N, C-alpha and C. Protein backbone atom coordinates (compact mmCIF):
# COMPACT_ATOMS: atom_id res chain seq x y z
N MET A 1 10.93 5.07 29.63
CA MET A 1 10.20 4.10 28.95
C MET A 1 9.78 3.48 27.68
N PRO A 2 8.76 3.07 27.14
CA PRO A 2 9.15 2.33 25.67
C PRO A 2 9.25 3.63 24.84
N LYS A 3 9.92 3.08 23.56
CA LYS A 3 9.50 3.96 22.23
C LYS A 3 8.63 3.83 21.41
N LYS A 4 7.50 4.25 21.36
CA LYS A 4 6.44 4.17 20.48
C LYS A 4 6.52 4.46 19.27
N GLY A 5 6.35 3.27 17.84
CA GLY A 5 6.74 3.31 16.68
C GLY A 5 5.40 3.67 16.06
N VAL A 6 4.49 4.45 15.25
CA VAL A 6 3.66 4.32 14.69
C VAL A 6 3.99 4.29 12.72
N LEU A 7 3.07 2.93 12.31
CA LEU A 7 2.97 3.20 10.91
C LEU A 7 1.67 3.24 10.43
N VAL A 8 1.59 4.09 9.42
CA VAL A 8 0.30 4.45 8.67
C VAL A 8 0.09 4.22 7.47
N LEU A 9 -0.90 2.81 6.87
CA LEU A 9 -0.15 2.39 5.66
C LEU A 9 -1.60 2.41 5.12
N PHE A 10 -1.87 2.70 3.11
CA PHE A 10 -3.07 2.45 3.19
C PHE A 10 -2.58 2.19 1.30
N ARG A 11 -3.64 1.81 0.67
CA ARG A 11 -3.74 1.59 -0.83
C ARG A 11 -3.89 2.87 -1.59
N HIS A 12 -3.45 2.54 -2.71
CA HIS A 12 -3.70 4.21 -3.40
C HIS A 12 -5.50 4.77 -3.91
N GLY A 13 -5.90 5.79 -4.00
CA GLY A 13 -7.02 5.67 -4.66
C GLY A 13 -7.44 5.30 -6.11
N GLN A 14 -8.83 5.32 -6.11
CA GLN A 14 -9.42 4.55 -7.01
C GLN A 14 -8.37 4.96 -8.29
N THR A 15 -8.54 3.58 -9.82
CA THR A 15 -8.26 4.25 -10.81
C THR A 15 -8.96 3.17 -11.50
N GLU A 16 -8.73 4.27 -13.31
CA GLU A 16 -9.57 3.12 -14.24
C GLU A 16 -9.87 1.42 -14.10
N TYR A 17 -7.99 1.20 -14.05
CA TYR A 17 -8.22 0.11 -14.37
C TYR A 17 -9.08 -0.80 -12.80
N ASN A 18 -9.07 0.16 -11.74
CA ASN A 18 -10.27 -0.44 -10.58
C ASN A 18 -11.24 -0.99 -11.50
N LYS A 19 -11.69 0.17 -11.65
CA LYS A 19 -13.19 0.41 -12.33
C LYS A 19 -13.25 -0.61 -13.28
N LEU A 20 -12.49 -1.16 -13.88
CA LEU A 20 -12.80 -2.05 -14.93
C LEU A 20 -12.26 -3.54 -14.74
N HIS A 21 -11.86 -3.63 -13.12
CA HIS A 21 -11.62 -4.69 -12.89
C HIS A 21 -10.23 -5.41 -13.35
N TYR A 22 -9.68 -4.92 -14.24
CA TYR A 22 -7.99 -5.00 -14.59
C TYR A 22 -7.11 -5.11 -13.50
N MET A 23 -6.25 -5.99 -13.74
CA MET A 23 -5.23 -6.36 -13.52
C MET A 23 -4.53 -5.56 -13.70
N THR A 24 -3.54 -4.86 -12.79
CA THR A 24 -2.76 -3.54 -13.28
C THR A 24 -1.06 -4.19 -12.82
N GLY A 25 -0.84 -4.48 -11.65
CA GLY A 25 0.57 -4.75 -11.87
C GLY A 25 1.09 -3.54 -12.15
N LEU A 26 2.38 -3.51 -12.79
CA LEU A 26 2.89 -1.84 -13.43
C LEU A 26 2.69 -1.49 -13.54
N HIS A 27 1.80 -1.80 -14.32
CA HIS A 27 0.91 -0.22 -15.91
C HIS A 27 0.85 1.10 -14.91
N ASP A 28 1.65 2.02 -15.16
CA ASP A 28 1.70 3.14 -14.38
C ASP A 28 0.03 3.94 -14.82
N VAL A 29 -0.93 3.38 -14.47
CA VAL A 29 -2.54 4.30 -14.53
C VAL A 29 -2.45 5.41 -13.44
N ALA A 30 -3.11 6.54 -13.71
CA ALA A 30 -3.59 7.31 -12.47
C ALA A 30 -4.37 7.29 -11.91
N LEU A 31 -4.92 8.23 -11.52
CA LEU A 31 -5.95 8.31 -10.23
C LEU A 31 -7.03 8.66 -11.42
N THR A 32 -8.32 8.21 -11.00
CA THR A 32 -9.49 8.85 -11.46
C THR A 32 -10.09 9.95 -10.58
N GLU A 33 -11.15 10.62 -10.81
CA GLU A 33 -11.80 11.80 -10.34
C GLU A 33 -12.07 11.37 -8.67
N ALA A 34 -12.45 10.17 -9.01
CA ALA A 34 -12.98 9.56 -7.50
C ALA A 34 -11.91 9.37 -6.92
N GLY A 35 -10.50 8.70 -7.44
CA GLY A 35 -9.45 8.08 -6.47
C GLY A 35 -8.68 9.41 -5.88
N GLU A 36 -8.89 10.59 -6.54
CA GLU A 36 -8.20 11.79 -6.33
C GLU A 36 -9.31 12.14 -4.86
N GLN A 37 -10.25 12.04 -4.47
CA GLN A 37 -11.16 12.62 -3.67
C GLN A 37 -10.70 11.58 -2.59
N GLN A 38 -10.86 10.19 -2.81
CA GLN A 38 -10.31 9.61 -2.27
C GLN A 38 -9.24 9.60 -1.42
N ALA A 39 -8.47 10.29 -1.90
CA ALA A 39 -7.13 10.41 -1.54
C ALA A 39 -7.00 11.77 -0.55
N GLN A 40 -7.67 12.41 -0.73
CA GLN A 40 -8.05 13.95 -0.42
C GLN A 40 -8.84 13.41 1.45
N ALA A 41 -9.75 12.44 1.38
CA ALA A 41 -10.57 12.14 2.24
C ALA A 41 -9.74 11.10 2.91
N ALA A 42 -8.67 10.37 2.25
CA ALA A 42 -8.09 9.70 3.83
C ALA A 42 -7.10 10.86 4.16
N GLY A 43 -6.34 11.47 3.47
CA GLY A 43 -5.98 12.75 4.14
C GLY A 43 -6.28 13.53 5.38
N ALA A 44 -7.76 13.58 5.43
CA ALA A 44 -8.75 13.96 6.23
C ALA A 44 -8.44 13.21 7.60
N LEU A 45 -8.43 11.70 7.58
CA LEU A 45 -8.57 10.67 8.24
C LEU A 45 -7.32 10.92 8.98
N ILE A 46 -6.18 11.13 8.47
CA ILE A 46 -4.80 10.98 8.82
C ILE A 46 -4.04 12.37 9.65
N ARG A 47 -5.04 13.48 9.80
CA ARG A 47 -4.44 14.90 10.06
C ARG A 47 -4.39 14.54 11.49
N GLY A 48 -4.66 13.52 12.22
CA GLY A 48 -3.90 13.57 13.89
C GLY A 48 -2.75 12.74 14.16
N PHE A 49 -2.14 12.48 12.92
CA PHE A 49 -0.33 12.47 12.88
C PHE A 49 0.41 13.13 12.16
N VAL A 50 1.64 13.36 12.71
CA VAL A 50 2.62 14.36 12.51
C VAL A 50 3.60 13.19 11.64
N PHE A 51 4.20 13.51 10.57
CA PHE A 51 4.80 12.13 10.27
C PHE A 51 6.21 12.17 9.93
N ASP A 52 6.74 11.56 10.90
CA ASP A 52 8.69 12.06 10.40
C ASP A 52 9.23 12.10 9.03
N LEU A 53 8.56 10.47 8.50
CA LEU A 53 8.79 10.48 7.16
C LEU A 53 7.59 9.59 6.09
N ALA A 54 7.61 10.32 4.77
CA ALA A 54 6.22 9.40 4.18
C ALA A 54 7.16 8.97 2.80
N TYR A 55 6.54 7.57 3.02
CA TYR A 55 6.81 7.01 1.58
C TYR A 55 5.59 6.17 0.70
N SER A 56 5.97 6.22 -0.70
CA SER A 56 5.02 5.92 -1.30
C SER A 56 5.74 4.86 -2.21
N SER A 57 5.08 4.32 -3.05
CA SER A 57 5.96 3.61 -4.62
C SER A 57 6.50 4.18 -5.24
N THR A 58 6.88 3.78 -6.43
CA THR A 58 7.09 4.32 -7.70
C THR A 58 6.23 4.82 -8.49
N LEU A 59 5.39 4.02 -8.57
CA LEU A 59 3.63 4.46 -9.60
C LEU A 59 3.03 5.16 -9.06
N LYS A 60 2.69 6.35 -9.97
CA LYS A 60 1.70 7.29 -10.14
C LYS A 60 0.64 7.37 -9.07
N ARG A 61 0.33 6.04 -9.29
CA ARG A 61 -1.16 6.40 -8.04
C ARG A 61 -0.75 6.49 -7.04
N ALA A 62 0.26 5.44 -6.41
CA ALA A 62 0.62 5.64 -4.74
C ALA A 62 0.89 6.86 -4.64
N HIS A 63 2.33 7.55 -5.86
CA HIS A 63 2.83 8.85 -5.40
C HIS A 63 1.41 10.08 -5.25
N ARG A 64 0.79 9.93 -6.23
CA ARG A 64 -0.14 11.22 -6.19
C ARG A 64 -1.21 10.86 -4.81
N THR A 65 -1.34 9.48 -4.48
CA THR A 65 -2.52 9.53 -3.25
C THR A 65 -1.72 10.06 -1.95
N ALA A 66 -0.30 9.41 -1.77
CA ALA A 66 0.38 10.36 -1.07
C ALA A 66 0.15 11.93 -0.71
N LEU A 67 0.99 12.30 -1.90
CA LEU A 67 0.57 13.41 -1.95
C LEU A 67 -0.74 14.49 -1.57
N LEU A 68 -1.72 14.07 -2.44
CA LEU A 68 -2.96 14.43 -2.00
C LEU A 68 -3.43 14.54 -0.35
N ALA A 69 -3.09 13.50 0.06
CA ALA A 69 -3.19 12.93 1.57
C ALA A 69 -2.89 14.04 2.48
N LEU A 70 -1.25 14.06 1.58
CA LEU A 70 -0.55 14.77 2.78
C LEU A 70 -0.76 16.30 2.80
N GLU A 71 -1.36 16.98 1.50
CA GLU A 71 -1.82 18.20 1.42
C GLU A 71 -3.12 18.66 2.45
N ALA A 72 -3.65 17.04 2.07
CA ALA A 72 -5.34 17.73 2.68
C ALA A 72 -5.42 17.06 4.46
N SER A 73 -4.20 16.27 4.87
CA SER A 73 -4.03 16.44 6.52
C SER A 73 -3.44 17.57 6.92
N GLY A 74 -3.08 18.97 6.28
CA GLY A 74 -3.35 19.99 7.42
C GLY A 74 -1.96 19.84 7.86
N THR A 75 -1.67 18.86 8.70
CA THR A 75 -0.46 19.04 9.86
C THR A 75 1.13 18.26 9.42
N ASN A 76 1.11 18.52 7.64
CA ASN A 76 2.54 17.78 7.67
C ASN A 76 3.22 18.84 6.66
N ASN A 77 2.88 19.90 6.53
CA ASN A 77 3.97 20.80 5.73
C ASN A 77 5.41 20.86 6.15
N HIS A 78 5.86 20.04 6.97
CA HIS A 78 6.83 20.37 7.75
C HIS A 78 8.06 19.12 6.46
N LEU A 79 7.13 18.92 5.66
CA LEU A 79 7.36 17.46 4.88
C LEU A 79 7.87 17.99 3.73
N LYS A 80 7.28 19.37 3.30
CA LYS A 80 7.97 19.94 2.01
C LYS A 80 8.93 20.81 1.86
N ASN A 81 9.26 19.95 0.45
CA ASN A 81 11.19 21.05 0.42
C ASN A 81 10.95 22.22 -0.12
N PRO A 82 11.88 22.96 0.00
CA PRO A 82 12.20 24.32 0.32
C PRO A 82 11.05 24.63 -1.29
N ASP A 83 10.88 24.24 -2.44
CA ASP A 83 10.42 24.58 -3.72
C ASP A 83 8.93 24.68 -3.16
N GLY A 84 8.31 23.54 -2.41
CA GLY A 84 6.75 22.97 -1.83
C GLY A 84 6.47 21.97 -2.49
N SER A 85 7.73 21.06 -2.89
CA SER A 85 6.94 20.72 -3.67
C SER A 85 7.14 19.42 -2.12
N TRP A 86 6.60 18.09 -2.12
CA TRP A 86 6.21 17.01 -1.38
C TRP A 86 7.57 16.08 -1.16
N ALA A 87 8.06 15.78 -0.25
CA ALA A 87 9.39 15.02 0.13
C ALA A 87 8.75 13.79 0.68
N ILE A 88 8.51 13.39 -0.71
CA ILE A 88 7.87 11.36 -0.47
C ILE A 88 9.09 10.51 -1.06
N GLU A 89 9.58 9.70 -0.04
CA GLU A 89 10.67 8.77 -0.63
C GLU A 89 9.44 8.07 -1.14
N GLN A 90 10.10 7.18 -2.59
CA GLN A 90 9.67 6.48 -3.21
C GLN A 90 10.46 5.22 -3.74
N SER A 91 9.88 4.18 -3.25
CA SER A 91 10.26 2.75 -3.48
C SER A 91 10.01 1.90 -4.30
N ALA A 92 10.87 1.66 -5.10
CA ALA A 92 10.47 0.24 -5.86
C ALA A 92 10.00 -1.15 -5.01
N GLY A 93 10.36 -1.11 -4.33
CA GLY A 93 10.50 -2.43 -3.04
C GLY A 93 9.16 -2.51 -3.15
N ILE A 94 8.41 -1.61 -3.02
CA ILE A 94 6.22 -1.76 -2.58
C ILE A 94 5.72 -1.36 -3.65
N VAL A 95 6.24 -1.28 -5.05
CA VAL A 95 5.33 -1.65 -5.85
C VAL A 95 4.39 -2.77 -5.95
N GLU A 96 3.74 -3.13 -6.52
CA GLU A 96 2.52 -4.18 -6.94
C GLU A 96 3.30 -5.17 -7.66
N ALA A 97 2.22 -6.47 -7.03
CA ALA A 97 3.47 -7.78 -7.86
C ALA A 97 2.90 -7.42 -9.27
N ASP A 98 3.85 -7.84 -9.66
CA ASP A 98 4.20 -7.48 -11.62
C ASP A 98 3.37 -8.61 -11.97
N SER A 99 2.02 -8.01 -12.75
CA SER A 99 1.09 -9.29 -13.15
C SER A 99 1.41 -9.92 -14.78
N GLY A 100 2.26 -9.38 -15.06
CA GLY A 100 3.16 -10.06 -16.54
C GLY A 100 2.05 -9.69 -17.62
N ASP A 101 2.11 -11.10 -18.35
CA ASP A 101 1.21 -10.85 -19.27
C ASP A 101 -0.49 -10.82 -18.92
N PHE A 102 -1.25 -10.94 -17.81
CA PHE A 102 -2.58 -10.71 -17.37
C PHE A 102 -2.67 -9.09 -16.90
N THR A 103 -1.68 -8.23 -17.35
CA THR A 103 -1.74 -7.36 -17.36
C THR A 103 -2.85 -6.16 -17.84
N ALA A 104 -3.31 -5.49 -17.98
CA ALA A 104 -4.81 -5.18 -18.07
C ALA A 104 -6.26 -5.84 -19.19
N ARG A 105 -5.80 -6.73 -18.24
CA ARG A 105 -7.39 -7.95 -18.45
C ARG A 105 -8.22 -8.18 -17.40
N ASN A 106 -9.01 -8.87 -17.57
CA ASN A 106 -10.44 -8.38 -16.55
C ASN A 106 -10.10 -10.06 -15.44
N LYS A 107 -9.76 -9.36 -14.25
CA LYS A 107 -9.53 -10.70 -13.10
C LYS A 107 -10.46 -11.52 -12.83
N HIS A 108 -12.07 -10.77 -13.20
CA HIS A 108 -13.02 -11.74 -12.59
C HIS A 108 -14.35 -12.55 -14.06
N THR A 109 -13.88 -12.25 -15.48
CA THR A 109 -14.10 -12.63 -16.24
C THR A 109 -12.96 -13.65 -17.24
N ASP A 110 -11.55 -13.13 -17.55
CA ASP A 110 -10.32 -13.61 -18.02
C ASP A 110 -10.54 -15.07 -18.07
N PRO A 111 -10.53 -16.05 -19.23
CA PRO A 111 -10.61 -17.74 -18.44
C PRO A 111 -9.56 -17.84 -18.57
N GLU A 112 -8.67 -17.20 -19.00
CA GLU A 112 -7.08 -17.65 -18.43
C GLU A 112 -6.52 -17.16 -17.13
N ILE A 113 -7.19 -16.23 -16.74
CA ILE A 113 -7.13 -15.94 -15.36
C ILE A 113 -7.69 -16.39 -14.18
N LEU A 114 -8.73 -16.79 -14.60
CA LEU A 114 -9.52 -17.74 -13.62
C LEU A 114 -8.98 -19.38 -13.95
N ALA A 115 -8.17 -19.84 -14.87
CA ALA A 115 -7.67 -21.14 -15.18
C ALA A 115 -6.25 -21.44 -14.28
N TYR A 116 -5.96 -20.02 -14.16
CA TYR A 116 -4.50 -20.03 -13.69
C TYR A 116 -4.42 -20.43 -12.47
N PRO A 117 -2.99 -21.13 -12.48
CA PRO A 117 -2.59 -22.27 -10.35
C PRO A 117 -2.40 -21.02 -9.67
N HIS A 118 -3.00 -19.81 -9.28
CA HIS A 118 -2.66 -19.03 -8.45
C HIS A 118 -2.38 -19.61 -6.91
N PHE A 119 -1.30 -19.89 -7.10
CA PHE A 119 -0.43 -20.24 -5.44
C PHE A 119 0.52 -19.03 -4.71
N TYR A 120 0.81 -19.41 -4.07
CA TYR A 120 1.51 -18.35 -3.28
C TYR A 120 3.24 -17.95 -3.69
N ASP A 121 3.87 -19.04 -4.36
CA ASP A 121 4.68 -19.15 -4.79
C ASP A 121 4.92 -19.60 -5.86
N VAL A 122 3.85 -19.30 -6.93
CA VAL A 122 3.49 -19.78 -8.79
C VAL A 122 3.30 -18.51 -9.19
N ALA A 123 4.49 -17.97 -10.06
CA ALA A 123 4.68 -16.34 -10.63
C ALA A 123 3.59 -16.58 -11.88
N LEU A 124 2.89 -14.93 -11.96
CA LEU A 124 2.16 -15.23 -12.88
C LEU A 124 2.73 -15.30 -14.55
N PRO A 125 2.24 -15.57 -15.54
CA PRO A 125 3.47 -15.77 -16.41
C PRO A 125 3.76 -14.56 -16.84
N ASN A 126 5.26 -14.47 -17.27
CA ASN A 126 6.47 -13.08 -17.11
C ASN A 126 6.16 -12.07 -16.48
N GLY A 127 5.66 -12.72 -15.18
CA GLY A 127 5.15 -11.91 -13.97
C GLY A 127 6.21 -12.28 -12.26
N GLU A 128 5.26 -11.98 -11.45
CA GLU A 128 5.72 -12.14 -10.39
C GLU A 128 5.12 -12.83 -9.40
N SER A 129 5.72 -13.34 -8.71
CA SER A 129 4.88 -14.79 -7.49
C SER A 129 4.53 -13.56 -5.97
N ASP A 130 3.50 -14.20 -5.42
CA ASP A 130 3.36 -13.21 -3.98
C ASP A 130 4.08 -14.05 -3.61
N LYS A 131 4.91 -14.51 -3.40
CA LYS A 131 6.06 -14.62 -2.31
C LYS A 131 7.16 -13.73 -2.87
N GLN A 132 7.57 -13.90 -4.15
CA GLN A 132 8.56 -12.76 -4.77
C GLN A 132 8.36 -11.40 -4.45
N MET A 133 7.27 -11.00 -4.18
CA MET A 133 6.52 -9.63 -3.88
C MET A 133 6.93 -9.70 -2.38
N VAL A 134 6.52 -10.44 -1.46
CA VAL A 134 6.49 -10.54 0.05
C VAL A 134 8.10 -10.52 0.21
N VAL A 135 8.89 -11.03 -0.55
CA VAL A 135 10.66 -11.39 0.08
C VAL A 135 11.05 -9.60 -0.44
N ARG A 136 10.60 -8.71 -0.99
CA ARG A 136 10.91 -7.67 -1.44
C ARG A 136 10.51 -6.45 -0.25
N ILE A 137 9.42 -6.69 -0.01
CA ILE A 137 8.53 -6.31 1.36
C ILE A 137 9.17 -6.59 2.44
N GLN A 138 9.38 -7.51 2.86
CA GLN A 138 10.36 -7.66 4.30
C GLN A 138 12.01 -7.49 3.66
N VAL A 139 12.29 -6.81 2.73
CA VAL A 139 13.58 -6.33 2.73
C VAL A 139 13.07 -4.33 3.54
N PHE A 140 12.72 -4.09 2.55
CA PHE A 140 12.19 -2.81 2.47
C PHE A 140 11.39 -2.95 3.95
N TYR A 141 10.73 -3.58 4.74
CA TYR A 141 10.43 -3.44 5.91
C TYR A 141 11.71 -3.40 6.67
N ASP A 142 12.54 -4.49 7.01
CA ASP A 142 13.62 -4.77 7.62
C ASP A 142 14.30 -3.34 7.50
N THR A 143 14.86 -2.86 6.15
CA THR A 143 15.92 -2.20 6.32
C THR A 143 15.25 -0.30 6.41
N GLU A 144 14.45 -0.47 5.82
CA GLU A 144 13.48 1.45 5.89
C GLU A 144 12.76 1.58 7.21
N LEU A 145 11.90 0.64 7.35
CA LEU A 145 10.86 0.79 8.31
C LEU A 145 10.99 0.53 10.03
N MET A 146 11.93 -0.09 9.98
CA MET A 146 11.89 -0.86 11.37
C MET A 146 12.92 0.20 12.56
N PRO A 147 14.02 0.47 11.78
CA PRO A 147 15.10 1.61 12.80
C PRO A 147 14.29 2.10 12.82
N ARG A 148 13.32 2.80 11.82
CA ARG A 148 12.70 4.47 12.46
C ARG A 148 11.89 3.71 13.23
N LEU A 149 11.16 2.51 12.90
CA LEU A 149 9.84 2.18 13.94
C LEU A 149 10.21 1.98 15.36
N LYS A 150 11.73 1.52 15.31
CA LYS A 150 12.41 1.35 17.25
C LYS A 150 13.06 2.72 17.69
N ARG A 151 12.84 3.65 16.65
CA ARG A 151 13.17 5.05 17.24
C ARG A 151 12.10 5.87 18.17
N GLY A 152 10.91 5.29 17.37
CA GLY A 152 9.69 5.51 17.99
C GLY A 152 8.98 6.79 16.69
N GLU A 153 9.39 6.46 15.65
CA GLU A 153 9.20 8.16 14.51
C GLU A 153 8.17 7.24 14.13
N THR A 154 6.96 8.22 13.39
CA THR A 154 5.69 8.14 12.98
C THR A 154 6.00 8.20 11.34
N LEU A 155 5.39 7.15 10.30
CA LEU A 155 5.37 6.80 9.38
C LEU A 155 4.36 6.87 8.80
N LEU A 156 4.71 6.86 6.85
CA LEU A 156 3.10 6.74 6.30
C LEU A 156 3.86 5.83 4.98
N VAL A 157 3.03 5.31 4.59
CA VAL A 157 3.10 4.34 3.61
C VAL A 157 2.11 4.47 2.56
N VAL A 158 2.07 4.94 1.83
CA VAL A 158 1.23 4.59 0.66
C VAL A 158 1.46 3.74 -0.70
N SER A 159 0.57 2.52 -0.59
CA SER A 159 0.94 1.63 -1.92
C SER A 159 0.16 0.91 -2.59
N HIS A 160 0.06 -0.45 -2.23
CA HIS A 160 -1.47 -0.82 -3.37
C HIS A 160 -1.80 -2.05 -2.02
N SER A 161 -3.06 -2.75 -3.36
CA SER A 161 -3.36 -3.90 -2.16
C SER A 161 -3.04 -5.23 -1.85
N GLY A 162 -1.70 -5.62 -2.72
CA GLY A 162 -1.06 -6.65 -2.46
C GLY A 162 -0.08 -6.17 -1.51
N ILE A 163 0.30 -5.12 -1.39
CA ILE A 163 1.50 -4.54 -0.52
C ILE A 163 0.19 -4.62 0.95
N MET A 164 -0.49 -4.19 0.84
CA MET A 164 -1.32 -4.14 1.83
C MET A 164 -1.48 -5.58 3.20
N VAL A 165 -1.75 -6.95 1.84
CA VAL A 165 -2.01 -7.85 2.33
C VAL A 165 -0.54 -8.74 3.12
N GLY A 166 0.33 -8.40 2.00
CA GLY A 166 2.32 -8.28 1.91
C GLY A 166 2.65 -7.68 3.71
N PHE A 167 1.83 -6.71 3.71
CA PHE A 167 2.58 -6.16 5.32
C PHE A 167 2.17 -6.66 6.25
N GLU A 168 0.53 -7.76 6.16
CA GLU A 168 0.03 -8.45 7.58
C GLU A 168 1.00 -9.47 7.60
N ILE A 169 1.50 -9.82 6.41
CA ILE A 169 2.94 -11.26 6.66
C ILE A 169 3.95 -11.25 7.27
N VAL A 170 4.43 -9.77 6.77
CA VAL A 170 5.98 -9.17 7.68
C VAL A 170 5.70 -9.36 8.62
N ALA A 171 4.81 -8.68 9.33
CA ALA A 171 4.37 -7.62 10.49
C ALA A 171 4.07 -9.08 11.29
N GLY A 172 3.58 -10.52 10.88
CA GLY A 172 3.50 -11.62 11.58
C GLY A 172 2.16 -11.63 12.01
N ILE A 173 0.91 -10.30 11.60
CA ILE A 173 -0.05 -10.45 11.71
C ILE A 173 -1.25 -11.93 11.30
N ARG A 174 -0.55 -12.32 10.32
CA ARG A 174 -0.96 -12.90 9.17
C ARG A 174 -0.20 -14.58 8.57
N PRO A 175 -0.04 -15.24 8.58
CA PRO A 175 0.52 -16.29 8.45
C PRO A 175 0.76 -16.82 6.91
N VAL A 176 2.28 -17.10 6.01
CA VAL A 176 2.21 -17.40 5.44
C VAL A 176 1.37 -18.09 4.25
N PRO A 177 0.61 -17.89 3.26
CA PRO A 177 -0.21 -18.89 3.03
C PRO A 177 0.02 -19.56 1.88
N VAL A 178 -0.92 -20.83 2.24
CA VAL A 178 -0.47 -21.89 0.88
C VAL A 178 -1.11 -21.32 -0.89
N GLU A 179 -2.42 -20.48 -0.77
CA GLU A 179 -2.61 -20.22 -1.29
C GLU A 179 -1.70 -18.63 -1.91
N ASP A 180 -2.92 -18.07 -2.98
CA ASP A 180 -2.07 -17.01 -3.86
C ASP A 180 -2.71 -15.70 -2.40
N VAL A 181 -2.05 -14.32 -2.31
CA VAL A 181 -2.30 -13.76 -1.73
C VAL A 181 -3.32 -12.78 -2.49
N TRP A 182 -3.26 -12.80 -4.05
CA TRP A 182 -4.19 -11.99 -4.78
C TRP A 182 -5.32 -12.32 -4.41
N SER A 183 -6.01 -12.77 -4.19
CA SER A 183 -7.39 -13.72 -3.94
C SER A 183 -7.84 -12.54 -2.82
N ARG A 184 -6.94 -12.13 -2.11
CA ARG A 184 -7.39 -11.21 -0.64
C ARG A 184 -7.76 -9.91 -1.26
N ARG A 185 -7.07 -9.65 -2.57
CA ARG A 185 -6.72 -8.62 -2.67
C ARG A 185 -8.00 -7.18 -2.88
N SER A 186 -8.90 -8.18 -2.86
CA SER A 186 -10.54 -7.26 -3.59
C SER A 186 -11.19 -6.99 -2.05
N SER A 187 -10.52 -7.27 -1.11
CA SER A 187 -11.05 -6.99 0.02
C SER A 187 -10.20 -5.48 0.79
N VAL A 188 -9.63 -5.24 0.13
CA VAL A 188 -9.02 -3.78 0.10
C VAL A 188 -8.63 -2.51 -0.28
N PRO A 189 -9.66 -2.19 0.88
CA PRO A 189 -10.24 -0.78 -0.34
C PRO A 189 -9.24 -0.30 -0.74
N ASN A 190 -9.61 1.05 -1.19
CA ASN A 190 -8.67 2.47 -1.80
C ASN A 190 -9.08 3.01 -0.65
N ALA A 191 -7.53 3.62 -0.80
CA ALA A 191 -7.34 5.21 0.13
C ALA A 191 -8.67 4.99 1.58
N ALA A 192 -8.18 3.72 2.19
CA ALA A 192 -8.62 3.10 3.80
C ALA A 192 -7.27 3.44 4.96
N PRO A 193 -7.33 4.12 5.50
CA PRO A 193 -5.57 3.92 6.10
C PRO A 193 -6.34 2.79 7.29
N VAL A 194 -4.65 2.34 7.81
CA VAL A 194 -4.81 1.55 8.78
C VAL A 194 -3.19 1.59 9.45
N VAL A 195 -3.45 1.86 10.37
CA VAL A 195 -2.78 2.28 11.83
C VAL A 195 -2.20 1.12 12.58
N TYR A 196 -0.72 1.01 12.43
CA TYR A 196 -0.09 -0.34 12.93
C TYR A 196 1.40 0.83 14.11
N GLU A 197 1.11 -0.50 15.44
CA GLU A 197 2.01 0.28 16.48
C GLU A 197 2.66 -0.82 17.23
N TYR A 198 3.84 0.03 17.16
CA TYR A 198 5.13 -0.33 17.86
C TYR A 198 5.86 -0.33 19.06
N GLU A 199 6.15 -0.77 19.92
CA GLU A 199 6.78 -0.45 20.98
C GLU A 199 7.89 -1.21 21.39
N ASP A 200 9.32 -0.39 21.24
CA ASP A 200 10.65 -0.69 20.97
C ASP A 200 11.08 -1.52 19.83
N GLY A 201 10.06 -1.34 18.89
CA GLY A 201 9.96 -1.80 17.15
C GLY A 201 9.07 -3.35 17.65
N GLN A 202 8.52 -3.59 18.85
CA GLN A 202 8.27 -4.74 18.64
C GLN A 202 6.32 -4.40 18.07
N PHE A 203 5.73 -5.01 17.17
CA PHE A 203 4.81 -5.03 16.63
C PHE A 203 3.48 -5.31 17.60
N ILE A 204 2.47 -4.34 18.13
CA ILE A 204 1.72 -4.18 18.96
C ILE A 204 0.29 -4.99 18.50
N ARG A 205 -0.19 -4.03 17.27
CA ARG A 205 -1.77 -4.52 16.87
C ARG A 205 -1.79 -3.70 15.75
N HIS A 206 -2.36 -3.34 14.95
CA HIS A 206 -3.28 -2.49 13.92
C HIS A 206 -5.04 -2.91 13.17
N TYR A 207 -5.09 -1.01 13.35
CA TYR A 207 -6.25 -0.83 13.15
C TYR A 207 -6.35 -0.16 12.51
N PRO A 208 -7.91 -0.45 11.62
CA PRO A 208 -8.59 1.16 10.74
C PRO A 208 -8.53 2.07 11.12
N ILE A 209 -8.14 3.39 10.66
CA ILE A 209 -8.98 4.55 11.31
C ILE A 209 -10.15 4.75 11.42
N ALA A 210 -10.77 4.35 10.42
CA ALA A 210 -12.01 4.70 10.17
C ALA A 210 -12.90 3.44 9.36
N GLU A 211 -13.88 2.98 9.76
CA GLU A 211 -14.60 1.94 8.50
C GLU A 211 -14.56 2.41 6.82
N PRO A 212 -14.10 1.58 6.47
CA PRO A 212 -14.50 2.06 4.96
C PRO A 212 -15.79 1.76 4.46
N GLY A 213 -16.04 2.45 3.54
CA GLY A 213 -17.05 1.97 2.47
C GLY A 213 -16.91 1.05 1.60
N ALA A 214 -17.82 0.57 1.13
CA ALA A 214 -17.77 -0.74 -0.66
C ALA A 214 -17.28 0.60 -1.15
N SER A 215 -15.62 -0.09 -2.00
CA SER A 215 -14.79 0.49 -2.97
C SER A 215 -14.64 -0.31 -3.79
N GLU A 216 -13.81 -0.04 -5.57
CA GLU A 216 -13.81 -0.90 -6.34
C GLU A 216 -12.35 -1.85 -6.10
N ASP A 217 -12.66 -2.91 -6.76
CA ASP A 217 -11.27 -3.70 -6.48
C ASP A 217 -9.85 -4.12 -6.82
């Protein structure tokens, strides 16, 4: 019998920077009240999953989203530590791409951001390129996730919009782009779970658990 692994992946809930259309990068902003509600709603969507392990990025917007979603799921209390806190593995490999000098600036109206050559292998000023981001996602995918997925485990990963697009690249769903990954991030909803299914470590398919509504980018 093939071993069926499952990966549930979603972006963090809304932050104030999302509302303002600011580039966030590594700036460690908190969830808004709406973002916390989105995280809890995601938890309701994933209550049919019993996870062997949960991951988030080291940024608090992702970690808080994972915590709230697991709590709301009602089916994953086995992931709690003896003190009642959640055992969520935090990884710097799945933090958002470093937006460098563009952090806290409006991605839709800032003339320097709009004029910048947004290509896959071009780093933002004092920041990171999409290629650099995908390289570290690949390391996380290969070292942390694939061994467990090959064993048939069910995993949760809560991260960021750039990481969501990057996962499609490392899983072979989307080709490596000539243009940037960043321009596609506005189509990634907040806290909308996507399921990736595997058999014996081979990717089979991916799909959203529910059709998400409109979200801030």
